[in-house]
Amino acid sequence: MAPTTASGPERTWTEGATSAYRAVHDAVEPAIAYPLSKIPHEAQTGLLIVGTVGLTLAASAGYKRFLRRIPNSDAVSVRDFERKRWIKGVVTRFVSFVRS
């Protein structure tokens, strides 16, 4: 008599992963699927344009506020200190103007 096992045929790890992925996907997909086809094409285009312009303006403001390089000390004005409480950088040259 041939030995029998209670478990079915052996599966490879890729088959197990695929079936697990399908189970999770089938459970989650209805909750996150949003029918974009119900939104008119003109509205999709408008949202894309507004989003792109908004992202560009936000990136520009962020660059001017946090990443703009100050070329030298002559470029720093009182207005810069009114807008920013801190100026961060590396001193690359120090010239002392001490009179004798």
N, C-alpha and C. Protein backbone atom coordinates (compact mmCIF):
# COMPACT_ATOMS: atom_id res chain seq x y z
N MET A 1 0.83 -1.16 0.00
CA MET A 1 0.00 0.00 0.00
C MET A 1 0.89 1.24 0.00
N ALA A 2 0.57 2.25 -0.80
CA ALA A 2 1.36 3.46 -0.95
C ALA A 2 1.07 4.41 0.20
N PRO A 3 2.13 5.12 0.68
CA PRO A 3 1.90 6.07 1.77
C PRO A 3 1.04 7.25 1.29
N THR A 4 0.18 7.71 2.15
CA THR A 4 -0.67 8.86 1.82
C THR A 4 -0.35 10.00 2.77
N THR A 5 -0.57 11.21 2.29
CA THR A 5 -0.35 12.39 3.14
C THR A 5 -1.63 13.17 3.22
N ALA A 6 -1.81 13.84 4.33
CA ALA A 6 -3.01 14.64 4.52
C ALA A 6 -2.92 15.95 3.74
N SER A 7 -1.69 16.44 3.56
CA SER A 7 -1.53 17.68 2.81
C SER A 7 -1.55 17.38 1.33
N GLY A 8 -1.95 18.33 0.57
CA GLY A 8 -2.05 18.16 -0.87
C GLY A 8 -0.67 18.16 -1.51
N PRO A 9 -0.63 18.34 -2.78
CA PRO A 9 0.66 18.37 -3.47
C PRO A 9 1.49 19.57 -3.01
N GLU A 10 2.79 19.40 -3.03
CA GLU A 10 3.67 20.48 -2.58
C GLU A 10 3.65 21.64 -3.57
N ARG A 11 3.68 22.86 -3.02
CA ARG A 11 3.71 24.05 -3.86
C ARG A 11 5.06 24.72 -3.74
N THR A 12 5.47 25.38 -4.78
CA THR A 12 6.71 26.14 -4.72
C THR A 12 6.45 27.45 -3.99
N TRP A 13 7.51 28.14 -3.61
CA TRP A 13 7.34 29.38 -2.87
C TRP A 13 6.72 30.46 -3.75
N THR A 14 6.95 30.41 -5.06
CA THR A 14 6.36 31.43 -5.94
C THR A 14 4.85 31.23 -6.05
N GLU A 15 4.41 30.00 -6.07
CA GLU A 15 2.97 29.75 -6.12
C GLU A 15 2.30 30.22 -4.83
N GLY A 16 2.96 29.97 -3.70
CA GLY A 16 2.42 30.43 -2.42
C GLY A 16 2.36 31.95 -2.34
N ALA A 17 3.42 32.60 -2.81
CA ALA A 17 3.45 34.06 -2.79
C ALA A 17 2.40 34.63 -3.73
N THR A 18 2.25 34.00 -4.88
CA THR A 18 1.25 34.49 -5.83
C THR A 18 -0.15 34.35 -5.28
N SER A 19 -0.44 33.23 -4.66
CA SER A 19 -1.79 33.06 -4.10
C SER A 19 -2.03 34.01 -2.93
N ALA A 20 -1.01 34.28 -2.13
CA ALA A 20 -1.15 35.24 -1.03
C ALA A 20 -1.38 36.64 -1.57
N TYR A 21 -0.64 37.00 -2.62
CA TYR A 21 -0.81 38.31 -3.25
C TYR A 21 -2.23 38.46 -3.79
N ARG A 22 -2.71 37.42 -4.47
CA ARG A 22 -4.05 37.48 -5.04
C ARG A 22 -5.10 37.62 -3.94
N ALA A 23 -4.93 36.93 -2.84
CA ALA A 23 -5.89 37.01 -1.75
C ALA A 23 -5.94 38.42 -1.17
N VAL A 24 -4.77 39.02 -0.94
CA VAL A 24 -4.72 40.37 -0.39
C VAL A 24 -5.27 41.37 -1.42
N HIS A 25 -4.86 41.22 -2.66
CA HIS A 25 -5.30 42.14 -3.70
C HIS A 25 -6.82 42.09 -3.86
N ASP A 26 -7.39 40.89 -3.87
CA ASP A 26 -8.84 40.76 -4.03
C ASP A 26 -9.60 41.35 -2.84
N ALA A 27 -8.98 41.34 -1.66
CA ALA A 27 -9.63 41.89 -0.47
C ALA A 27 -9.52 43.41 -0.43
N VAL A 28 -8.40 43.97 -0.87
CA VAL A 28 -8.14 45.40 -0.73
C VAL A 28 -8.58 46.19 -1.96
N GLU A 29 -8.49 45.61 -3.12
CA GLU A 29 -8.74 46.33 -4.37
C GLU A 29 -10.09 47.02 -4.43
N PRO A 30 -11.19 46.40 -4.02
CA PRO A 30 -12.47 47.12 -4.09
C PRO A 30 -12.51 48.35 -3.19
N ALA A 31 -11.78 48.33 -2.10
CA ALA A 31 -11.79 49.46 -1.18
C ALA A 31 -11.00 50.64 -1.71
N ILE A 32 -9.96 50.40 -2.50
CA ILE A 32 -9.11 51.50 -2.96
C ILE A 32 -9.36 51.87 -4.41
N ALA A 33 -10.08 51.05 -5.13
CA ALA A 33 -10.32 51.35 -6.54
C ALA A 33 -11.29 52.52 -6.65
N TYR A 34 -10.89 53.53 -7.39
CA TYR A 34 -11.75 54.68 -7.64
C TYR A 34 -11.91 54.80 -9.14
N PRO A 35 -13.12 54.80 -9.59
CA PRO A 35 -13.33 54.82 -11.04
C PRO A 35 -13.01 56.19 -11.64
N LEU A 36 -11.78 56.38 -12.09
CA LEU A 36 -11.39 57.65 -12.69
C LEU A 36 -12.13 57.91 -14.00
N SER A 37 -12.67 56.85 -14.58
CA SER A 37 -13.38 57.04 -15.84
C SER A 37 -14.66 57.82 -15.63
N LYS A 38 -15.15 57.93 -14.40
CA LYS A 38 -16.37 58.70 -14.14
C LYS A 38 -16.10 60.20 -14.11
N ILE A 39 -14.83 60.59 -13.93
CA ILE A 39 -14.48 62.01 -13.94
C ILE A 39 -14.28 62.42 -15.40
N PRO A 40 -14.91 63.51 -15.84
CA PRO A 40 -14.75 63.94 -17.23
C PRO A 40 -13.28 64.23 -17.57
N HIS A 41 -12.95 64.03 -18.82
CA HIS A 41 -11.56 64.23 -19.26
C HIS A 41 -11.12 65.67 -19.03
N GLU A 42 -12.01 66.63 -19.24
CA GLU A 42 -11.66 68.04 -19.04
C GLU A 42 -11.33 68.31 -17.57
N ALA A 43 -12.06 67.69 -16.67
CA ALA A 43 -11.79 67.87 -15.24
C ALA A 43 -10.45 67.23 -14.86
N GLN A 44 -10.15 66.07 -15.42
CA GLN A 44 -8.85 65.43 -15.15
C GLN A 44 -7.72 66.32 -15.63
N THR A 45 -7.87 66.91 -16.82
CA THR A 45 -6.84 67.80 -17.36
C THR A 45 -6.70 69.04 -16.47
N GLY A 46 -7.84 69.60 -16.04
CA GLY A 46 -7.79 70.78 -15.17
C GLY A 46 -7.11 70.49 -13.85
N LEU A 47 -7.41 69.34 -13.26
CA LEU A 47 -6.76 68.96 -12.00
C LEU A 47 -5.26 68.77 -12.19
N LEU A 48 -4.88 68.19 -13.32
CA LEU A 48 -3.46 68.01 -13.60
C LEU A 48 -2.75 69.35 -13.74
N ILE A 49 -3.38 70.29 -14.42
CA ILE A 49 -2.76 71.61 -14.61
C ILE A 49 -2.66 72.35 -13.27
N VAL A 50 -3.74 72.35 -12.50
CA VAL A 50 -3.73 73.04 -11.19
C VAL A 50 -2.69 72.40 -10.27
N GLY A 51 -2.63 71.08 -10.25
CA GLY A 51 -1.64 70.40 -9.42
C GLY A 51 -0.21 70.70 -9.83
N THR A 52 0.03 70.74 -11.13
CA THR A 52 1.38 71.03 -11.63
C THR A 52 1.80 72.45 -11.29
N VAL A 53 0.90 73.40 -11.50
CA VAL A 53 1.21 74.80 -11.18
C VAL A 53 1.44 74.97 -9.68
N GLY A 54 0.58 74.34 -8.87
CA GLY A 54 0.75 74.43 -7.42
C GLY A 54 2.06 73.83 -6.94
N LEU A 55 2.42 72.69 -7.49
CA LEU A 55 3.69 72.05 -7.12
C LEU A 55 4.88 72.91 -7.56
N THR A 56 4.79 73.52 -8.72
CA THR A 56 5.87 74.39 -9.19
C THR A 56 6.03 75.61 -8.29
N LEU A 57 4.93 76.23 -7.91
CA LEU A 57 5.00 77.40 -7.03
C LEU A 57 5.53 77.03 -5.64
N ALA A 58 5.11 75.89 -5.13
CA ALA A 58 5.60 75.44 -3.82
C ALA A 58 7.09 75.13 -3.88
N ALA A 59 7.54 74.50 -4.95
CA ALA A 59 8.97 74.19 -5.10
C ALA A 59 9.79 75.47 -5.22
N SER A 60 9.27 76.45 -5.95
CA SER A 60 9.97 77.72 -6.10
C SER A 60 10.08 78.45 -4.76
N ALA A 61 8.99 78.48 -4.01
CA ALA A 61 9.03 79.14 -2.70
C ALA A 61 9.97 78.41 -1.75
N GLY A 62 9.96 77.09 -1.78
CA GLY A 62 10.88 76.33 -0.93
C GLY A 62 12.33 76.57 -1.29
N TYR A 63 12.62 76.67 -2.58
CA TYR A 63 13.99 76.94 -3.01
C TYR A 63 14.42 78.32 -2.52
N LYS A 64 13.57 79.32 -2.72
CA LYS A 64 13.93 80.68 -2.32
C LYS A 64 14.10 80.80 -0.81
N ARG A 65 13.32 80.03 -0.06
CA ARG A 65 13.37 80.14 1.41
C ARG A 65 14.50 79.33 2.02
N PHE A 66 14.74 78.12 1.51
CA PHE A 66 15.66 77.22 2.19
C PHE A 66 16.94 76.89 1.42
N LEU A 67 16.94 76.96 0.11
CA LEU A 67 18.09 76.45 -0.65
C LEU A 67 18.87 77.52 -1.40
N ARG A 68 18.39 78.74 -1.42
CA ARG A 68 19.07 79.78 -2.18
C ARG A 68 20.45 80.07 -1.59
N ARG A 69 21.42 80.16 -2.46
CA ARG A 69 22.79 80.41 -2.01
C ARG A 69 23.02 81.91 -1.92
N ILE A 70 23.66 82.34 -0.85
CA ILE A 70 24.04 83.74 -0.69
C ILE A 70 25.49 83.84 -1.16
N PRO A 71 25.74 84.58 -2.24
CA PRO A 71 27.09 84.57 -2.82
C PRO A 71 28.17 85.16 -1.92
N ASN A 72 27.89 86.27 -1.23
CA ASN A 72 28.88 86.86 -0.32
C ASN A 72 28.15 87.72 0.70
N SER A 73 28.91 88.31 1.61
CA SER A 73 28.29 89.08 2.69
C SER A 73 27.65 90.36 2.18
N ASP A 74 28.08 90.86 1.03
CA ASP A 74 27.46 92.07 0.49
C ASP A 74 26.03 91.81 0.02
N ALA A 75 25.70 90.56 -0.26
CA ALA A 75 24.36 90.22 -0.74
C ALA A 75 23.35 90.07 0.39
N VAL A 76 23.82 90.08 1.65
CA VAL A 76 22.92 89.96 2.80
C VAL A 76 22.43 91.34 3.19
N SER A 77 21.11 91.49 3.21
CA SER A 77 20.53 92.79 3.57
C SER A 77 19.76 92.64 4.88
N VAL A 78 19.28 93.76 5.39
CA VAL A 78 18.48 93.75 6.60
C VAL A 78 17.19 92.99 6.35
N ARG A 79 16.65 93.10 5.15
CA ARG A 79 15.41 92.41 4.81
C ARG A 79 15.56 90.90 4.92
N ASP A 80 16.75 90.39 4.60
CA ASP A 80 17.00 88.96 4.72
C ASP A 80 16.91 88.52 6.18
N PHE A 81 17.41 89.34 7.09
CA PHE A 81 17.34 88.98 8.51
C PHE A 81 15.92 89.15 9.06
N GLU A 82 15.12 90.02 8.48
CA GLU A 82 13.74 90.15 8.92
C GLU A 82 12.93 88.92 8.52
N ARG A 83 13.20 88.36 7.34
CA ARG A 83 12.46 87.19 6.88
C ARG A 83 12.97 85.91 7.51
N LYS A 84 14.28 85.78 7.68
CA LYS A 84 14.87 84.56 8.22
C LYS A 84 15.46 84.85 9.60
N ARG A 85 15.26 83.94 10.51
CA ARG A 85 15.86 84.09 11.82
C ARG A 85 17.24 83.49 11.86
N TRP A 86 17.59 82.71 10.84
CA TRP A 86 18.88 82.05 10.83
C TRP A 86 19.43 82.04 9.41
N ILE A 87 20.70 82.08 9.33
CA ILE A 87 21.41 81.92 8.06
C ILE A 87 22.46 80.85 8.31
N LYS A 88 22.42 79.81 7.52
CA LYS A 88 23.30 78.67 7.72
C LYS A 88 24.26 78.58 6.54
N GLY A 89 25.51 78.28 6.82
CA GLY A 89 26.46 78.14 5.73
C GLY A 89 27.85 77.82 6.24
N VAL A 90 28.77 77.85 5.33
CA VAL A 90 30.15 77.54 5.62
C VAL A 90 31.00 78.76 5.26
N VAL A 91 31.85 79.18 6.17
CA VAL A 91 32.73 80.31 5.90
C VAL A 91 33.88 79.80 5.05
N THR A 92 34.00 80.37 3.86
CA THR A 92 35.07 79.93 2.96
C THR A 92 36.24 80.90 2.94
N ARG A 93 36.02 82.13 3.44
CA ARG A 93 37.11 83.10 3.47
C ARG A 93 36.82 84.12 4.56
N PHE A 94 37.83 84.44 5.33
CA PHE A 94 37.68 85.44 6.38
C PHE A 94 38.77 86.48 6.19
N VAL A 95 38.33 87.72 6.08
CA VAL A 95 39.27 88.82 5.91
C VAL A 95 39.06 89.78 7.09
N SER A 96 40.08 90.05 7.82
CA SER A 96 39.99 90.94 8.96
C SER A 96 40.37 92.36 8.53
N PHE A 97 39.57 93.31 8.97
CA PHE A 97 39.83 94.70 8.63
C PHE A 97 40.23 95.47 9.89
N VAL A 98 41.19 94.99 10.61
CA VAL A 98 41.65 95.62 11.84
C VAL A 98 42.67 96.69 11.46
N ARG A 99 42.42 97.91 11.94
CA ARG A 99 43.36 99.00 11.65
C ARG A 99 44.39 99.10 12.75
N SER A 100 45.58 99.41 12.36
CA SER A 100 46.65 99.56 13.35
C SER A 100 46.84 100.98 13.75
